Amino acid sequence: MKTPKKHWFAFHATAAILVSAAALLLSCSKPTDPGGLKTNAPPVARLSNIFPDDSSTINLYPSPRVTLYWVGDDPDGFVTAFRYRWSYDHAGSTIFRSWRTILNIAFPGQIVAEARTQNPARLPGLYQYLTTLTDSQRDSILTLLESWTAVIAGGDTIVRADSTQIQSPNTGTFIFESQDSLNRHLFQITAIDNDGVESIHPAQVSFWTPRASAPDTRFVDPLPADSSYVIARLTDTFQGIRFFFDARDAQSTSFEFSWSVDSVRWSPFSPASSATVTAADLAQPCTGNHYFYVKARNEFGVEDPTAARMRFYTIYPGFADSTLPKRILLWNNTRDSGQVACPRNQTLNRYYADIFDALGRGGTYDVWTVTTQLWPSRATFARYSVIVFYGDFNVLPLALRWSDPRIRQLRDYLDVGGKLIVSGWDFPYFFASGNDKTILFRDYIHAVPDTFTVTHDFVGATGSLGYPQISLDTTKLHPGWNGMLRPIPTCTPVGFAEIIYRYKSNSGNPTVHNRPVGVRFFGSPNTYSIVYFGLPLYYVPQSIAQEAIRKASLDVGE
């Protein structure tokens, strides 16, 4: 194993000490045999808690995962390491895996060191050095072993043993290959003593394991919506389309998963049991039906032969496609009551259309009236880079809860980068309960409606941040209103929302006077932007309303 350059200077000195210590230890005779006159007795390895070794009997384990236990004895010294291997049958031949060596020592946290050397006689030196480290030397070695980094000792290395296989120097859990319905294996282990002498005969056991069954992959809740907006990258507000899955089989305790959309490409197997999909994962065209596939692989390496499949529908917003022209949706949510001084829908639509025509946007907008066309679909929202929502009578056509699927469509539109300009008499009323109003304003407009009782003496608003001063067009007001508008809700901005308008009270009522009545919020470059006029622009002189909307359009990037 090559030593990563970033660790070389950190442990080069330690490695040098390790080499010298090993050489020194190997050059010494046993303390119990100063003259070196006695013959060394080889160590013995013993397996325990296993089936009796009987090749004439099928000792069948219930799964390919088998835990084995062993010990080592040395009558004239001690065991410094173990070497093990096992066989499997393939195409009529018995094949052995290579020998692996672990040192007979466990560091704090049950870290076991695997020795990689061509000369077993060096193992006692490695073992004795590791057991005689000072606290600081041991900490340096453990730091490297905990990150699986090899420690170099001449031409040898020690690395952290795979903890999924080796739990201690005397215990291992192995997954034995199972290509046939029944598979025969021979496990062998030897001990190496403090003179580097290995057991004459390995301890061994033969047994059979069944073929590993294939896992069954399936989807789990929460499932993605039947229809979702999608863009090409994750943003602060678009977290992708999420899929969750798991797998089952009687023999496995852990799984890895690989997934694909439209079979464009398969992800590498990983333990992650969820996937996040963006437009970059989809086959073209992005808007349309797509298929998400996922397959599990169990700890025995067996894959589900049939991937689980789920169909889903995505909408790629037109504003996210730089090749398409930007369009505006004039979205009329006003009740056509016919009451005196309350505008009809046709009048409101003409009013806002005239403003956008005067701003040079003629032919780039469409008008949508809820009372006659009902609620726009996701696909309708997706065609527009900005939505101008107006409800310029104090009762909107319908009040919806935050959890209503129709509101979810609007929220999703904003989450993928949509822009919203709001003009309304009592926009918070659009949401049926106080809690719903708070969530809308806090999470999207980034302002919270004030809860105190508002007065009936709104006569204008003080503009800031480039927005014009607002007065009222008294020719549009009912004579009984006395030149004022009845309740206009004030609000408190939160987060990064900025105040663009403050309430002008005819009486100077301190409860509402100079309180915020309009805010703007800019998300990060890849998220939505909102300009909120908490007043009906219809009752403002058209030239002033035109200037306010021009500024709002610039603010949202239109």
Protein backbone atom coordinates (compact mmCIF):
# COMPACT_ATOMS: atom_id res chain seq x y z
CA MET A 1 0.00 0.00 0.00
CA LYS A 2 1.36 3.39 -0.90
CA THR A 3 1.60 5.94 1.86
CA PRO A 4 -0.49 9.07 1.19
CA LYS A 5 1.80 12.07 0.89
CA LYS A 6 -0.20 14.09 3.38
CA HIS A 7 0.77 11.63 6.16
CA TRP A 8 4.42 11.02 5.25
CA PHE A 9 6.03 13.70 7.43
CA ALA A 10 3.58 12.95 10.26
CA PHE A 11 4.73 9.38 10.82
CA HIS A 12 7.99 8.93 8.95
CA ALA A 13 9.91 9.17 12.23
CA THR A 14 7.59 6.67 13.88
CA ALA A 15 8.05 4.28 10.98
CA ALA A 16 11.82 4.54 11.31
CA ILE A 17 11.57 3.69 15.01
CA LEU A 18 9.29 0.77 14.12
CA VAL A 19 11.82 -0.64 11.66
CA SER A 20 14.74 -0.29 14.12
CA ALA A 21 12.72 -1.75 16.98
CA ALA A 22 11.64 -4.71 14.88
CA ALA A 23 15.22 -5.36 13.76
CA LEU A 24 16.44 -5.16 17.34
CA LEU A 25 13.79 -7.51 18.64
CA LEU A 26 14.42 -10.06 15.94
CA SER A 27 18.13 -10.10 16.68
CA CYS A 28 17.62 -11.04 20.35
CA SER A 29 17.34 -14.55 21.75
CA LYS A 30 14.48 -15.50 24.01
CA PRO A 31 15.01 -14.26 27.57
CA THR A 32 13.96 -17.72 28.79
CA ASP A 33 16.60 -19.37 26.60
CA PRO A 34 19.74 -17.21 26.80
CA GLY A 35 21.94 -19.70 25.05
CA GLY A 36 19.46 -20.59 22.35
CA LEU A 37 19.90 -24.31 23.20
CA LYS A 38 16.25 -25.36 23.34
CA THR A 39 14.16 -26.24 20.30
CA ASN A 40 11.20 -23.92 19.84
CA ALA A 41 7.82 -25.59 20.14
CA PRO A 42 5.50 -24.32 17.38
CA PRO A 43 2.22 -22.70 18.40
CA VAL A 44 -1.18 -24.28 17.93
CA ALA A 45 -4.36 -22.57 16.69
CA ARG A 46 -7.75 -23.89 17.74
CA LEU A 47 -11.22 -23.12 16.37
CA SER A 48 -14.16 -23.14 18.79
CA ASN A 49 -17.96 -22.90 18.74
CA ILE A 50 -18.22 -24.47 15.30
CA PHE A 51 -19.59 -27.60 13.70
CA PRO A 52 -17.36 -30.65 14.02
CA ASP A 53 -15.09 -30.92 11.00
CA ASP A 54 -16.48 -33.80 9.02
CA SER A 55 -16.23 -33.61 5.26
CA SER A 56 -18.68 -36.50 4.97
CA THR A 57 -21.43 -34.46 6.63
CA ILE A 58 -23.07 -31.37 5.24
CA ASN A 59 -22.68 -28.88 8.07
CA LEU A 60 -25.08 -26.26 6.73
CA TYR A 61 -25.13 -22.73 8.10
CA PRO A 62 -28.40 -20.80 7.63
CA SER A 63 -26.78 -17.98 5.64
CA PRO A 64 -23.52 -17.12 3.84
CA ARG A 65 -22.55 -15.00 6.87
CA VAL A 66 -20.62 -17.12 9.39
CA THR A 67 -18.94 -16.03 12.63
CA LEU A 68 -15.91 -18.04 13.72
CA TYR A 69 -13.89 -17.98 16.94
CA TRP A 70 -10.32 -19.08 17.54
CA VAL A 71 -7.52 -19.04 20.08
CA GLY A 72 -3.80 -19.72 19.95
CA ASP A 73 -1.49 -21.56 22.36
CA ASP A 74 2.30 -21.54 22.56
CA PRO A 75 3.89 -23.75 25.25
CA ASP A 76 7.18 -21.84 25.35
CA GLY A 77 6.22 -18.30 24.47
CA PHE A 78 3.18 -16.39 23.22
CA VAL A 79 1.14 -15.92 20.04
CA THR A 80 1.87 -12.71 18.16
CA ALA A 81 -0.38 -13.13 15.12
CA PHE A 82 -2.89 -15.31 13.27
CA ARG A 83 -3.10 -16.13 9.57
CA TYR A 84 -6.34 -17.30 7.98
CA ARG A 85 -7.85 -18.16 4.61
CA TRP A 86 -10.81 -20.05 3.19
CA SER A 87 -11.81 -21.89 0.07
CA TYR A 88 -14.78 -21.87 -2.23
CA ASP A 89 -15.81 -24.01 -5.18
CA HIS A 90 -16.14 -22.60 -8.66
CA ALA A 91 -16.62 -24.42 -11.97
CA GLY A 92 -15.77 -27.76 -10.34
CA SER A 93 -12.52 -26.50 -8.75
CA THR A 94 -11.66 -25.62 -5.16
CA ILE A 95 -10.09 -22.16 -4.95
CA PHE A 96 -8.43 -20.66 -1.86
CA ARG A 97 -8.41 -17.00 -1.03
CA SER A 98 -5.05 -15.48 -0.14
CA TRP A 99 -3.79 -15.70 3.42
CA ARG A 100 -4.57 -12.68 5.64
CA THR A 101 -2.62 -11.86 8.82
CA ILE A 102 -3.84 -10.06 11.94
CA LEU A 103 -1.73 -9.18 14.96
CA ASN A 104 -2.81 -10.66 18.28
CA ILE A 105 -3.48 -7.29 19.86
CA ALA A 106 -6.54 -5.03 20.09
CA PHE A 107 -6.16 -1.29 20.54
CA PRO A 108 -8.74 0.85 22.37
CA GLY A 109 -11.99 0.82 20.48
CA GLN A 110 -11.36 -2.75 19.27
CA ILE A 111 -9.05 -1.62 16.49
CA VAL A 112 -7.23 -4.67 15.15
CA ALA A 113 -4.12 -4.30 13.00
CA GLU A 114 -3.68 -6.33 9.84
CA ALA A 115 -0.06 -7.01 8.94
CA ARG A 116 0.95 -7.17 5.30
CA THR A 117 4.36 -8.76 5.00
CA GLN A 118 6.14 -11.33 2.87
CA ASN A 119 8.19 -12.48 5.83
CA PRO A 120 6.23 -13.87 8.83
CA ALA A 121 9.46 -13.84 10.84
CA ARG A 122 9.03 -10.06 11.11
CA LEU A 123 5.68 -10.33 12.88
CA PRO A 124 7.08 -10.72 16.44
CA GLY A 125 9.02 -7.49 16.01
CA LEU A 126 5.91 -5.64 14.82
CA TYR A 127 3.85 -7.11 17.65
CA GLN A 128 6.38 -6.33 20.39
CA TYR A 129 6.92 -2.81 19.16
CA LEU A 130 3.18 -2.08 19.21
CA THR A 131 2.80 -3.50 22.72
CA THR A 132 5.66 -1.39 24.10
CA LEU A 133 4.67 1.99 22.66
CA THR A 134 4.56 5.01 24.91
CA ASP A 135 1.20 6.74 25.20
CA SER A 136 2.16 9.44 22.69
CA GLN A 137 3.61 6.91 20.21
CA ARG A 138 0.49 4.75 20.49
CA ASP A 139 -1.78 7.75 19.92
CA SER A 140 0.15 8.59 16.73
CA ILE A 141 -0.21 5.05 15.44
CA LEU A 142 -3.90 4.89 16.39
CA THR A 143 -4.60 8.16 14.61
CA LEU A 144 -3.29 6.61 11.42
CA LEU A 145 -4.99 3.27 11.93
CA GLU A 146 -8.35 4.89 12.69
CA SER A 147 -8.27 6.48 9.25
CA TRP A 148 -7.20 3.16 7.69
CA THR A 149 -3.84 4.66 6.78
CA ALA A 150 -0.94 2.24 6.48
CA VAL A 151 2.07 2.59 8.76
CA ILE A 152 5.25 1.79 6.87
CA ALA A 153 7.90 -0.48 8.38
CA GLY A 154 10.50 -1.23 5.75
CA GLY A 155 8.79 -3.29 3.08
CA ASP A 156 5.93 -4.21 5.44
CA THR A 157 2.77 -2.39 6.41
CA ILE A 158 0.11 -2.57 9.04
CA VAL A 159 -3.40 -1.27 8.40
CA ARG A 160 -6.66 -1.25 10.26
CA ALA A 161 -8.40 -4.58 9.75
CA ASP A 162 -11.87 -4.48 8.23
CA SER A 163 -14.12 -4.20 11.28
CA THR A 164 -17.03 -5.74 9.36
CA GLN A 165 -14.99 -8.95 9.20
CA ILE A 166 -12.57 -8.89 12.14
CA GLN A 167 -14.22 -7.94 15.43
CA SER A 168 -11.21 -8.87 17.60
CA PRO A 169 -7.97 -10.87 17.23
CA ASN A 170 -10.02 -13.97 18.12
CA THR A 171 -13.28 -13.38 16.25
CA GLY A 172 -14.23 -12.91 12.62
CA THR A 173 -17.50 -12.72 10.69
CA PHE A 174 -17.06 -13.62 7.04
CA ILE A 175 -19.33 -13.70 4.04
CA PHE A 176 -18.66 -16.86 2.10
CA GLU A 177 -19.32 -16.90 -1.65
CA SER A 178 -22.50 -18.71 -2.56
CA GLN A 179 -22.77 -19.27 -6.28
CA ASP A 180 -24.59 -22.61 -6.12
CA SER A 181 -27.64 -23.56 -4.11
CA LEU A 182 -25.24 -25.20 -1.62
CA ASN A 183 -21.60 -24.20 -1.31
CA ARG A 184 -18.75 -26.03 0.45
CA HIS A 185 -15.98 -24.10 2.20
CA LEU A 186 -12.84 -24.94 4.15
CA PHE A 187 -11.65 -22.37 6.70
CA GLN A 188 -8.04 -22.61 7.93
CA ILE A 189 -6.19 -20.60 10.57
CA THR A 190 -2.65 -20.77 11.97
CA ALA A 191 -0.88 -19.06 14.87
CA ILE A 192 2.55 -17.41 14.79
CA ASP A 193 4.61 -17.28 17.98
CA ASN A 194 7.12 -14.79 19.34
CA ASP A 195 9.91 -16.45 17.36
CA GLY A 196 8.03 -16.07 14.09
CA VAL A 197 7.29 -19.80 13.92
CA GLU A 198 3.94 -20.78 12.43
CA SER A 199 1.66 -23.68 13.37
CA ILE A 200 2.67 -26.91 11.64
CA HIS A 201 -0.93 -27.77 10.87
CA PRO A 202 -3.70 -25.20 10.53
CA ALA A 203 -6.88 -25.52 12.51
CA GLN A 204 -9.62 -26.01 10.00
CA VAL A 205 -13.29 -26.68 9.59
CA SER A 206 -15.40 -27.51 6.55
CA PHE A 207 -18.98 -26.41 6.23
CA TRP A 208 -21.63 -25.46 3.72
CA THR A 209 -23.50 -22.25 3.14
CA PRO A 210 -26.64 -21.63 1.09
CA ARG A 211 -26.82 -19.36 -1.88
CA ALA A 212 -27.67 -15.81 -0.88
CA SER A 213 -31.19 -14.82 -1.88
CA ALA A 214 -31.78 -11.69 -3.94
CA PRO A 215 -33.23 -8.68 -2.13
CA ASP A 216 -36.63 -7.24 -2.92
CA THR A 217 -36.47 -3.47 -3.52
CA ARG A 218 -39.48 -1.27 -2.82
CA PHE A 219 -40.48 2.36 -2.38
CA VAL A 220 -41.51 3.75 0.99
CA ASP A 221 -43.29 6.91 2.16
CA PRO A 222 -43.16 9.79 1.63
CA LEU A 223 -43.74 9.29 -2.06
CA PRO A 224 -43.18 12.22 -4.47
CA ALA A 225 -46.15 14.12 -5.85
CA ASP A 226 -47.71 12.89 -9.08
CA SER A 227 -46.71 16.18 -10.68
CA SER A 228 -43.69 18.28 -9.67
CA TYR A 229 -41.76 21.28 -10.90
CA VAL A 230 -38.13 20.55 -11.62
CA ILE A 231 -35.05 22.59 -12.48
CA ALA A 232 -31.51 21.59 -13.29
CA ARG A 233 -29.83 22.26 -9.93
CA LEU A 234 -30.57 22.33 -6.23
CA THR A 235 -31.18 25.74 -4.63
CA ASP A 236 -32.08 27.03 -1.18
CA THR A 237 -35.76 26.48 -1.97
CA PHE A 238 -35.70 23.67 -4.54
CA GLN A 239 -34.42 20.55 -2.82
CA GLY A 240 -35.13 18.24 -5.70
CA ILE A 241 -37.69 15.48 -6.10
CA ARG A 242 -37.06 12.95 -3.32
CA PHE A 243 -37.51 9.21 -3.57
CA PHE A 244 -37.24 6.90 -0.55
CA PHE A 245 -36.75 3.15 -0.69
CA ASP A 246 -35.65 0.07 1.21
CA ALA A 247 -35.12 -3.64 0.62
CA ARG A 248 -35.85 -6.95 2.29
CA ASP A 249 -34.42 -10.42 2.27
CA ALA A 250 -34.33 -13.05 4.99
CA GLN A 251 -30.54 -13.29 5.22
CA SER A 252 -29.29 -9.70 5.03
CA THR A 253 -28.98 -6.94 7.59
CA SER A 254 -27.70 -4.16 5.31
CA PHE A 255 -28.15 -3.08 1.70
CA GLU A 256 -26.73 -0.76 -0.90
CA PHE A 257 -28.75 0.90 -3.64
CA SER A 258 -28.25 2.07 -7.21
CA TRP A 259 -30.80 4.24 -8.99
CA SER A 260 -31.52 5.74 -12.37
CA VAL A 261 -34.07 8.00 -14.03
CA ASP A 262 -35.23 6.96 -17.48
CA SER A 263 -32.21 4.57 -17.52
CA VAL A 264 -30.03 7.55 -18.51
CA ARG A 265 -27.28 6.44 -16.12
CA TRP A 266 -27.10 4.34 -12.98
CA SER A 267 -25.63 5.72 -9.79
CA PRO A 268 -22.85 3.85 -7.97
CA PHE A 269 -24.12 1.55 -5.23
CA SER A 270 -24.24 3.27 -1.84
CA PRO A 271 -25.97 2.75 1.54
CA ALA A 272 -28.13 5.86 0.98
CA SER A 273 -31.82 4.87 1.04
CA SER A 274 -33.05 8.01 -0.69
CA ALA A 275 -32.29 9.85 -3.91
CA THR A 276 -32.67 13.46 -5.02
CA VAL A 277 -33.60 14.06 -8.64
CA THR A 278 -33.19 17.27 -10.65
CA ALA A 279 -33.74 18.06 -14.31
CA ALA A 280 -30.11 17.09 -14.93
CA ASP A 281 -31.07 13.46 -14.24
CA LEU A 282 -33.98 13.33 -16.70
CA ALA A 283 -34.15 12.25 -20.29
CA GLN A 284 -35.34 14.99 -22.65
CA PRO A 285 -37.86 16.51 -22.80
CA CYS A 286 -37.89 17.39 -19.10
CA THR A 287 -41.59 18.17 -19.08
CA GLY A 288 -43.51 14.91 -19.24
CA ASN A 289 -43.63 11.41 -17.76
CA HIS A 290 -40.45 9.87 -16.38
CA TYR A 291 -39.53 6.64 -14.62
CA PHE A 292 -37.41 6.29 -11.50
CA TYR A 293 -35.69 2.91 -11.08
CA VAL A 294 -33.86 1.59 -8.02
CA LYS A 295 -32.32 -1.78 -7.22
CA ALA A 296 -30.80 -3.09 -4.01
CA ARG A 297 -27.65 -5.12 -3.48
CA ASN A 298 -27.30 -7.06 -0.25
CA GLU A 299 -24.17 -7.59 1.81
CA PHE A 300 -23.46 -10.81 -0.09
CA GLY A 301 -23.16 -8.88 -3.35
CA VAL A 302 -26.45 -10.19 -4.77
CA GLU A 303 -28.52 -7.63 -6.69
CA ASP A 304 -32.26 -7.47 -7.08
CA PRO A 305 -32.74 -8.77 -10.65
CA THR A 306 -35.84 -6.59 -11.11
CA ALA A 307 -35.49 -2.92 -10.23
CA ALA A 308 -38.43 -1.21 -8.54
CA ARG A 309 -40.03 1.36 -10.84
CA MET A 310 -42.13 4.47 -10.24
CA ARG A 311 -43.64 6.80 -12.82
CA PHE A 312 -43.74 10.53 -12.09
CA TYR A 313 -44.54 13.67 -14.03
CA THR A 314 -42.34 16.77 -14.10
CA ILE A 315 -42.80 20.29 -15.38
CA TYR A 316 -39.76 22.29 -16.41
CA PRO A 317 -40.66 25.99 -16.00
CA GLY A 318 -40.47 28.08 -19.14
CA PHE A 319 -38.62 30.82 -17.28
CA ALA A 320 -35.79 28.37 -16.55
CA ASP A 321 -35.25 27.90 -20.29
CA SER A 322 -33.12 30.79 -21.55
CA THR A 323 -34.18 30.07 -25.14
CA LEU A 324 -37.81 30.96 -24.43
CA PRO A 325 -39.17 34.54 -24.17
CA LYS A 326 -40.30 35.67 -20.73
CA ARG A 327 -44.04 36.02 -20.17
CA ILE A 328 -46.14 37.58 -17.41
CA LEU A 329 -49.38 36.25 -15.91
CA LEU A 330 -51.86 38.92 -14.80
CA TRP A 331 -53.78 36.85 -12.27
CA ASN A 332 -57.09 38.40 -11.19
CA ASN A 333 -58.35 37.01 -7.89
CA THR A 334 -61.01 39.68 -7.27
CA ARG A 335 -64.65 38.92 -6.55
CA ASP A 336 -66.85 40.53 -9.23
CA SER A 337 -69.42 41.84 -6.73
CA GLY A 338 -70.92 44.67 -8.76
CA GLN A 339 -71.09 46.85 -5.63
CA VAL A 340 -70.76 50.62 -6.00
CA ALA A 341 -67.13 51.81 -6.21
CA CYS A 342 -65.91 48.21 -6.36
CA PRO A 343 -64.28 47.44 -9.71
CA ARG A 344 -65.61 44.74 -12.00
CA ASN A 345 -63.17 42.09 -13.20
CA GLN A 346 -63.20 43.47 -16.72
CA THR A 347 -62.32 46.92 -15.39
CA LEU A 348 -59.45 45.57 -13.27
CA ASN A 349 -58.04 43.50 -16.10
CA ARG A 350 -58.08 46.52 -18.39
CA TYR A 351 -56.44 48.67 -15.71
CA TYR A 352 -53.45 46.32 -15.26
CA ALA A 353 -53.20 45.55 -18.98
CA ASP A 354 -52.98 49.31 -19.70
CA ILE A 355 -50.17 49.62 -17.15
CA PHE A 356 -48.11 46.84 -18.74
CA ASP A 357 -48.82 48.17 -22.21
CA ALA A 358 -47.53 51.58 -21.09
CA LEU A 359 -44.41 49.85 -19.71
CA GLY A 360 -43.73 48.41 -23.18
CA ARG A 361 -44.78 44.87 -22.25
CA GLY A 362 -47.70 44.61 -24.64
CA GLY A 363 -47.98 41.13 -26.12
CA THR A 364 -45.84 39.57 -23.35
CA TYR A 365 -48.61 38.94 -20.82
CA ASP A 366 -51.78 36.88 -20.44
CA VAL A 367 -54.77 37.62 -18.22
CA TRP A 368 -56.30 34.94 -16.01
CA THR A 369 -59.51 35.55 -14.05
CA VAL A 370 -60.24 33.04 -11.28
CA THR A 371 -63.99 33.64 -11.15
CA THR A 372 -64.38 32.51 -14.78
CA GLN A 373 -61.30 30.36 -15.46
CA LEU A 374 -60.89 28.74 -12.03
CA TRP A 375 -57.48 28.04 -10.53
CA PRO A 376 -54.47 27.88 -12.88
CA SER A 377 -52.74 24.51 -13.20
CA ARG A 378 -49.08 23.82 -12.45
CA ALA A 379 -48.41 23.79 -16.19
CA THR A 380 -50.04 27.22 -16.49
CA PHE A 381 -47.90 28.72 -13.72
CA ALA A 382 -44.78 27.21 -15.28
CA ARG A 383 -45.17 29.24 -18.46
CA TYR A 384 -44.60 32.56 -16.68
CA SER A 385 -41.48 34.12 -15.23
CA VAL A 386 -43.52 36.47 -13.01
CA ILE A 387 -47.07 36.36 -11.66
CA VAL A 388 -48.87 39.61 -10.89
CA PHE A 389 -51.53 38.67 -8.35
CA TYR A 390 -54.21 41.31 -7.78
CA GLY A 391 -57.26 41.24 -5.55
CA ASP A 392 -58.38 44.86 -5.48
CA PHE A 393 -61.66 44.45 -3.71
CA ASN A 394 -61.60 43.81 0.02
CA VAL A 395 -63.15 40.34 -0.34
CA LEU A 396 -61.27 37.90 -2.55
CA PRO A 397 -63.18 35.25 -4.55
CA LEU A 398 -62.17 32.40 -2.27
CA ALA A 399 -60.24 31.81 0.92
CA LEU A 400 -57.86 28.86 1.00
CA ARG A 401 -55.90 27.09 3.68
CA TRP A 402 -52.11 26.89 3.50
CA SER A 403 -52.36 23.13 3.10
CA ASP A 404 -54.76 23.38 0.14
CA PRO A 405 -53.22 21.65 -2.94
CA ARG A 406 -53.85 24.80 -4.98
CA ILE A 407 -51.67 26.82 -2.61
CA ARG A 408 -49.07 24.06 -2.77
CA GLN A 409 -48.86 24.69 -6.52
CA LEU A 410 -48.12 28.37 -5.94
CA ARG A 411 -45.53 27.58 -3.27
CA ASP A 412 -43.82 25.06 -5.56
CA TYR A 413 -43.76 27.61 -8.37
CA LEU A 414 -41.92 30.03 -6.10
CA ASP A 415 -39.57 27.32 -4.85
CA VAL A 416 -38.18 26.69 -8.34
CA GLY A 417 -37.51 30.37 -8.99
CA GLY A 418 -40.87 31.94 -9.82
CA LYS A 419 -41.44 35.66 -9.16
CA LEU A 420 -44.52 37.20 -7.54
CA ILE A 421 -45.89 40.74 -7.39
CA VAL A 422 -48.93 41.16 -5.13
CA SER A 423 -51.49 43.96 -5.04
CA GLY A 424 -54.39 43.41 -2.68
CA TRP A 425 -56.86 45.04 -0.35
CA ASP A 426 -56.80 42.27 2.24
CA PHE A 427 -54.37 39.73 0.87
CA PRO A 428 -54.03 37.90 4.24
CA TYR A 429 -57.75 37.08 4.01
CA PHE A 430 -56.87 34.88 1.06
CA PHE A 431 -55.72 32.37 3.67
CA ALA A 432 -58.55 31.12 5.82
CA SER A 433 -57.01 31.13 9.29
CA GLY A 434 -54.62 33.32 11.22
CA ASN A 435 -52.01 30.58 11.36
CA ASP A 436 -52.13 30.11 7.60
CA LYS A 437 -51.63 33.83 7.10
CA THR A 438 -48.61 33.82 9.37
CA ILE A 439 -46.98 30.91 7.54
CA LEU A 440 -47.46 32.49 4.12
CA PHE A 441 -46.02 35.83 5.11
CA ARG A 442 -43.19 34.46 7.25
CA ASP A 443 -41.97 31.80 4.83
CA TYR A 444 -42.48 33.54 1.49
CA ILE A 445 -43.23 37.25 1.78
CA HIS A 446 -41.03 37.36 4.89
CA ALA A 447 -43.40 39.55 6.87
CA VAL A 448 -46.01 38.76 9.52
CA PRO A 449 -49.44 40.47 9.39
CA ASP A 450 -50.07 42.64 12.44
CA THR A 451 -52.80 41.26 14.70
CA PHE A 452 -54.19 44.52 16.08
CA THR A 453 -57.43 46.02 14.75
CA VAL A 454 -56.76 48.23 11.75
CA THR A 455 -58.52 51.54 11.21
CA HIS A 456 -60.50 52.90 8.28
CA ASP A 457 -58.37 55.96 7.57
CA PHE A 458 -55.78 54.91 4.97
CA VAL A 459 -55.03 57.86 2.70
CA GLY A 460 -51.73 56.80 1.12
CA ALA A 461 -48.30 55.33 1.70
CA THR A 462 -44.79 56.67 2.03
CA GLY A 463 -42.48 55.00 -0.46
CA SER A 464 -38.82 54.11 0.03
CA LEU A 465 -36.04 52.25 -1.78
CA GLY A 466 -37.01 53.93 -5.06
CA TYR A 467 -40.77 53.38 -4.83
CA PRO A 468 -43.00 56.44 -5.50
CA GLN A 469 -45.16 58.15 -2.89
CA ILE A 470 -48.72 56.82 -3.03
CA SER A 471 -51.91 58.84 -2.86
CA LEU A 472 -55.50 57.80 -3.63
CA ASP A 473 -57.53 58.48 -6.76
CA THR A 474 -60.58 59.93 -5.03
CA THR A 475 -62.65 59.67 -8.22
CA LYS A 476 -62.70 55.90 -7.71
CA LEU A 477 -63.71 56.00 -4.05
CA HIS A 478 -67.27 55.66 -2.77
CA PRO A 479 -68.52 58.98 -1.36
CA GLY A 480 -69.25 57.26 1.92
CA TRP A 481 -65.59 56.37 2.31
CA ASN A 482 -64.72 60.02 2.95
CA GLY A 483 -61.62 59.94 0.77
CA MET A 484 -60.14 57.00 2.66
CA LEU A 485 -59.87 53.24 2.24
CA ARG A 486 -61.23 50.92 4.85
CA PRO A 487 -58.99 48.33 6.57
CA ILE A 488 -55.55 48.05 5.02
CA PRO A 489 -53.47 45.46 6.95
CA THR A 490 -50.03 46.45 8.19
CA CYS A 491 -47.22 43.96 8.74
CA THR A 492 -43.88 43.36 10.44
CA PRO A 493 -41.00 42.31 8.14
CA VAL A 494 -38.81 39.38 9.16
CA GLY A 495 -35.52 38.05 7.88
CA PHE A 496 -34.14 39.95 4.91
CA ALA A 497 -37.44 41.56 3.85
CA GLU A 498 -37.18 45.30 3.19
CA ILE A 499 -39.89 47.90 3.77
CA ILE A 500 -41.00 49.67 0.60
CA TYR A 501 -44.17 51.36 1.91
CA ARG A 502 -45.42 52.74 5.21
CA TYR A 503 -49.05 53.48 6.14
CA LYS A 504 -50.34 57.07 6.05
CA SER A 505 -53.15 57.50 8.59
CA ASN A 506 -55.57 60.39 8.04
CA SER A 507 -55.83 60.82 11.80
CA GLY A 508 -52.23 59.99 12.57
CA ASN A 509 -53.42 56.98 14.57
CA PRO A 510 -50.21 55.68 16.22
CA THR A 511 -51.46 52.09 15.98
CA VAL A 512 -51.06 52.08 12.21
CA HIS A 513 -49.43 55.33 11.15
CA ASN A 514 -46.00 54.76 9.63
CA ARG A 515 -46.32 50.98 10.04
CA PRO A 516 -45.07 48.83 7.11
CA VAL A 517 -47.71 48.19 4.48
CA GLY A 518 -45.47 46.92 1.67
CA VAL A 519 -42.25 44.87 1.55
CA ARG A 520 -39.94 43.28 -0.96
CA PHE A 521 -37.93 40.11 -0.50
CA PHE A 522 -35.04 38.91 -2.63
CA GLY A 523 -33.96 35.32 -2.14
CA SER A 524 -30.53 34.04 -3.08
CA PRO A 525 -29.71 34.31 -6.81
CA ASN A 526 -31.30 30.95 -7.52
CA THR A 527 -34.54 31.42 -5.59
CA TYR A 528 -37.73 33.47 -5.81
CA SER A 529 -38.34 37.19 -5.32
CA ILE A 530 -41.54 38.84 -4.09
CA VAL A 531 -42.84 42.40 -4.02
CA TYR A 532 -45.86 42.80 -1.77
CA PHE A 533 -48.14 45.83 -2.00
CA GLY A 534 -50.50 45.51 0.95
CA LEU A 535 -52.92 47.92 -0.72
CA PRO A 536 -55.06 47.85 -3.88
CA LEU A 537 -53.20 49.67 -6.65
CA TYR A 538 -56.45 50.12 -8.56
CA TYR A 539 -57.36 53.00 -6.20
CA VAL A 540 -54.05 54.74 -6.86
CA PRO A 541 -53.66 57.18 -9.77
CA GLN A 542 -52.64 55.04 -12.74
CA SER A 543 -49.43 56.97 -13.37
CA ILE A 544 -48.29 56.28 -9.80
CA ALA A 545 -49.34 52.61 -9.94
CA GLN A 546 -47.47 52.30 -13.22
CA GLU A 547 -44.28 53.63 -11.64
CA ALA A 548 -44.66 51.32 -8.63
CA ILE A 549 -45.10 48.27 -10.86
CA ARG A 550 -42.18 49.34 -13.06
CA LYS A 551 -39.98 49.43 -9.95
CA ALA A 552 -41.34 46.09 -8.72
CA SER A 553 -40.66 44.49 -12.12
CA LEU A 554 -37.06 45.70 -12.01
CA ASP A 555 -36.69 44.40 -8.47
CA VAL A 556 -37.78 40.88 -9.41
CA GLY A 557 -35.59 40.91 -12.50
CA GLU A 558 -38.20 41.47 -15.21
